[in-house]
Amino acid sequence: MAEEAKDLGAAMIYYSTDYVFDGTKNTHYTENDQPNPTNIYGKTKLAGEEAITSVGVDHLIFRTSWVYGLHGKNFLLMMQRLAKERE
C-alpha cells in the first residue's frame, strides 16, 4: 500500500499502538522515543511503521491506545461507566 500510495502521490495514515514501547518509561512517550515492543502485537505494528517509513511515502503514524472496542476495557466503555456512576 505504501508503494502504491507513493506512486500515486498520495499520503498514508497508519494506525499503530503504544505497544511499540515497553512501558518502562516514567513519563509520557513521544514520537522521538526509541520503540522497544515486548509482544508480537507491538512488534508487528512497529514493522508496519518501519515498512511505511522505508518506502518514503508521505505519511502520518498515530500511536493510539485503549481507544474503542465492543468488548473488554477501553476508553469509550470506561467513560460510559463513569458517566453512570458519577455526576
Protein backbone atom coordinates (compact mmCIF):
# COMPACT_ATOMS: atom_id res chain seq x y z
CA MET A 1 0.00 0.00 0.00
CA ALA A 2 2.81 2.40 0.83
CA GLU A 3 4.49 1.84 -2.52
CA GLU A 4 1.22 2.34 -4.40
CA ALA A 5 0.44 5.50 -2.43
CA LYS A 6 3.88 6.85 -3.22
CA ASP A 7 3.45 6.05 -6.93
CA LEU A 8 0.10 7.88 -6.90
CA GLY A 9 1.48 10.87 -4.98
CA ALA A 10 -0.92 10.13 -2.12
CA ALA A 11 -0.26 10.26 1.59
CA MET A 12 -0.95 7.47 4.06
CA ILE A 13 -2.35 7.30 7.55
CA TYR A 14 -1.26 4.32 9.66
CA TYR A 15 -2.86 3.49 12.97
CA SER A 16 -0.28 1.93 15.25
CA THR A 17 -0.20 1.39 19.00
CA ASP A 18 1.56 2.38 22.20
CA TYR A 19 2.57 -1.30 22.41
CA VAL A 20 5.60 -0.38 20.29
CA PHE A 21 7.05 0.74 23.64
CA ASP A 22 7.91 -1.47 26.60
CA GLY A 23 6.06 0.65 29.18
CA THR A 24 9.07 1.23 31.45
CA LYS A 25 9.31 5.00 30.95
CA ASN A 26 8.06 7.03 33.92
CA THR A 27 6.77 9.89 31.76
CA HIS A 28 4.74 10.14 28.56
CA TYR A 29 6.26 8.69 25.43
CA THR A 30 6.92 10.92 22.44
CA GLU A 31 7.47 10.16 18.79
CA ASN A 32 11.21 10.57 19.39
CA ASP A 33 11.42 7.78 21.99
CA GLN A 34 13.07 4.53 20.94
CA PRO A 35 10.47 1.79 20.39
CA ASN A 36 11.01 -1.47 22.25
CA PRO A 37 7.98 -3.73 21.80
CA THR A 38 7.71 -6.66 24.20
CA ASN A 39 5.00 -8.70 22.45
CA ILE A 40 4.14 -9.83 18.93
CA TYR A 41 1.38 -7.24 18.56
CA GLY A 42 3.79 -4.38 19.25
CA LYS A 43 6.47 -5.94 17.06
CA THR A 44 4.15 -6.32 14.07
CA LYS A 45 2.76 -2.79 14.44
CA LEU A 46 6.33 -1.42 14.60
CA ALA A 47 7.20 -3.46 11.50
CA GLY A 48 4.30 -1.76 9.72
CA GLU A 49 5.57 1.66 10.77
CA GLU A 50 9.06 0.82 9.56
CA ALA A 51 7.80 -0.53 6.23
CA ILE A 52 5.89 2.67 5.50
CA THR A 53 8.80 4.85 6.57
CA SER A 54 11.28 2.90 4.43
CA VAL A 55 9.21 3.46 1.27
CA GLY A 56 9.42 7.22 1.73
CA VAL A 57 5.74 7.91 1.14
CA ASP A 58 4.23 10.97 2.84
CA HIS A 59 2.55 9.59 5.93
CA LEU A 60 1.17 10.11 9.40
CA ILE A 61 1.52 7.46 12.08
CA PHE A 62 -0.90 7.58 15.00
CA ARG A 63 0.11 5.53 18.02
CA THR A 64 -3.14 5.08 19.87
CA SER A 65 -4.07 3.18 22.98
CA TRP A 66 -7.20 1.96 24.65
CA VAL A 67 -9.48 3.74 22.18
CA TYR A 68 -12.51 1.64 21.29
CA GLY A 69 -13.86 -1.87 21.08
CA LEU A 70 -17.15 -3.64 21.65
CA HIS A 71 -15.72 -5.89 24.35
CA GLY A 72 -13.14 -5.62 27.10
CA LYS A 73 -11.71 -2.50 28.64
CA ASN A 74 -11.39 0.62 26.53
CA PHE A 75 -11.74 4.38 26.79
CA LEU A 76 -15.30 4.57 25.47
CA LEU A 77 -16.69 1.93 27.81
CA MET A 78 -14.85 3.46 30.77
CA MET A 79 -16.34 6.91 30.08
CA GLN A 80 -19.82 5.43 29.72
CA ARG A 81 -19.45 3.63 33.04
CA LEU A 82 -18.13 6.72 34.80
CA ALA A 83 -20.98 8.83 33.40
CA LYS A 84 -23.47 6.46 35.02
CA GLU A 85 -21.60 6.31 38.34
CA ARG A 86 -20.64 9.98 38.80
CA GLU A 87 -22.16 13.40 38.39
